[in-house]
Amino acid sequence: MTKLKRIPKFKTEKAERLFWLNVDSTEYVDYSKMEKWVFPNLKLTSAPITIRMPEVLLNRVKMKAHQRDIPYQTLIKQFIYAGLGE
């Protein structure tokens, strides 16, 4: 087994996200020692909503989501977060 690299300390969550996006996590984590966890009573923390938008706009969002290989609802949430400056 090769020696794992040390995971650095991060000043922000954004710095940590950027780090994990750009490295091979198998160089830092031994996945063979992971435990399986189950959360049977976990409740959703999001609320379903209904929003009306032009079909043309929805189709554009769906195409962009497809290009990014993510669900279109996730992309809409990302746009909202970005619009709020978070």
Protein backbone atom coordinates (compact mmCIF):
# COMPACT_ATOMS: atom_id res chain seq x y z
CA MET A 1 0.00 0.00 0.00
CA THR A 2 1.29 3.44 -0.85
CA LYS A 3 1.52 6.13 1.80
CA LEU A 4 -1.40 8.55 1.74
CA LYS A 5 -0.82 12.26 1.39
CA ARG A 6 -1.77 14.50 4.31
CA ILE A 7 -5.03 16.43 3.86
CA PRO A 8 -4.28 20.13 4.34
CA LYS A 9 -6.18 22.48 6.67
CA PHE A 10 -8.58 24.76 4.83
CA LYS A 11 -9.46 28.34 5.70
CA THR A 12 -12.84 28.20 3.94
CA GLU A 13 -15.27 25.67 2.52
CA LYS A 14 -14.67 27.18 -0.91
CA ALA A 15 -10.92 26.48 -0.60
CA GLU A 16 -11.70 22.90 0.38
CA ARG A 17 -14.10 22.46 -2.58
CA LEU A 18 -11.48 23.77 -4.99
CA PHE A 19 -8.87 21.46 -3.51
CA TRP A 20 -11.01 18.32 -3.91
CA LEU A 21 -12.01 19.32 -7.45
CA ASN A 22 -8.37 19.37 -8.50
CA VAL A 23 -6.82 16.33 -6.82
CA ASP A 24 -7.22 12.57 -6.96
CA SER A 25 -8.88 11.77 -3.63
CA THR A 26 -7.48 8.23 -3.63
CA GLU A 27 -4.07 9.78 -2.91
CA TYR A 28 -5.51 11.20 0.35
CA VAL A 29 -8.20 8.75 1.48
CA ASP A 30 -8.11 4.99 1.94
CA TYR A 31 -11.61 4.08 0.78
CA SER A 32 -11.16 0.42 1.72
CA LYS A 33 -11.54 1.38 5.39
CA MET A 34 -14.78 3.31 4.95
CA GLU A 35 -17.87 2.28 6.88
CA LYS A 36 -21.36 2.18 5.42
CA TRP A 37 -23.76 4.47 7.25
CA VAL A 38 -27.53 4.53 6.94
CA PHE A 39 -29.76 7.40 8.03
CA PRO A 40 -33.28 5.91 7.93
CA ASN A 41 -34.99 8.84 9.70
CA LEU A 42 -33.30 11.61 7.76
CA LYS A 43 -35.81 14.25 6.72
CA LEU A 44 -35.50 16.47 3.66
CA THR A 45 -34.50 20.00 4.58
CA SER A 46 -35.85 21.49 1.38
CA ALA A 47 -39.39 22.47 0.50
CA PRO A 48 -40.99 21.79 -2.85
CA ILE A 49 -42.16 24.88 -4.74
CA THR A 50 -44.03 25.63 -7.93
CA ILE A 51 -42.74 28.34 -10.23
CA ARG A 52 -44.07 29.43 -13.57
CA MET A 53 -41.61 30.36 -16.30
CA PRO A 54 -41.69 30.57 -20.07
CA GLU A 55 -41.12 27.20 -21.75
CA VAL A 56 -38.33 28.74 -23.83
CA LEU A 57 -36.46 29.72 -20.65
CA LEU A 58 -37.01 26.31 -19.06
CA ASN A 59 -35.74 24.58 -22.20
CA ARG A 60 -32.59 26.76 -22.17
CA VAL A 61 -31.99 25.85 -18.52
CA LYS A 62 -32.46 22.15 -19.31
CA MET A 63 -30.01 22.34 -22.22
CA LYS A 64 -27.37 24.09 -20.07
CA ALA A 65 -27.92 21.54 -17.27
CA HIS A 66 -27.49 18.71 -19.78
CA GLN A 67 -24.21 20.26 -20.97
CA ARG A 68 -23.01 20.30 -17.34
CA ASP A 69 -24.39 16.79 -16.70
CA ILE A 70 -26.48 17.88 -13.71
CA PRO A 71 -30.24 17.90 -13.04
CA TYR A 72 -31.92 21.10 -14.20
CA GLN A 73 -33.40 21.78 -10.73
CA THR A 74 -29.85 21.74 -9.34
CA LEU A 75 -28.77 24.25 -11.95
CA ILE A 76 -31.70 26.52 -11.10
CA LYS A 77 -30.69 26.37 -7.41
CA GLN A 78 -27.10 27.24 -8.38
CA PHE A 79 -28.35 30.25 -10.34
CA ILE A 80 -30.43 31.40 -7.36
CA TYR A 81 -27.49 31.01 -4.96
CA ALA A 82 -25.23 32.93 -7.35
CA GLY A 83 -27.84 35.66 -7.71
CA LEU A 84 -27.98 36.02 -3.94
CA GLY A 85 -24.21 36.36 -3.77
CA GLU A 86 -23.61 33.18 -1.78
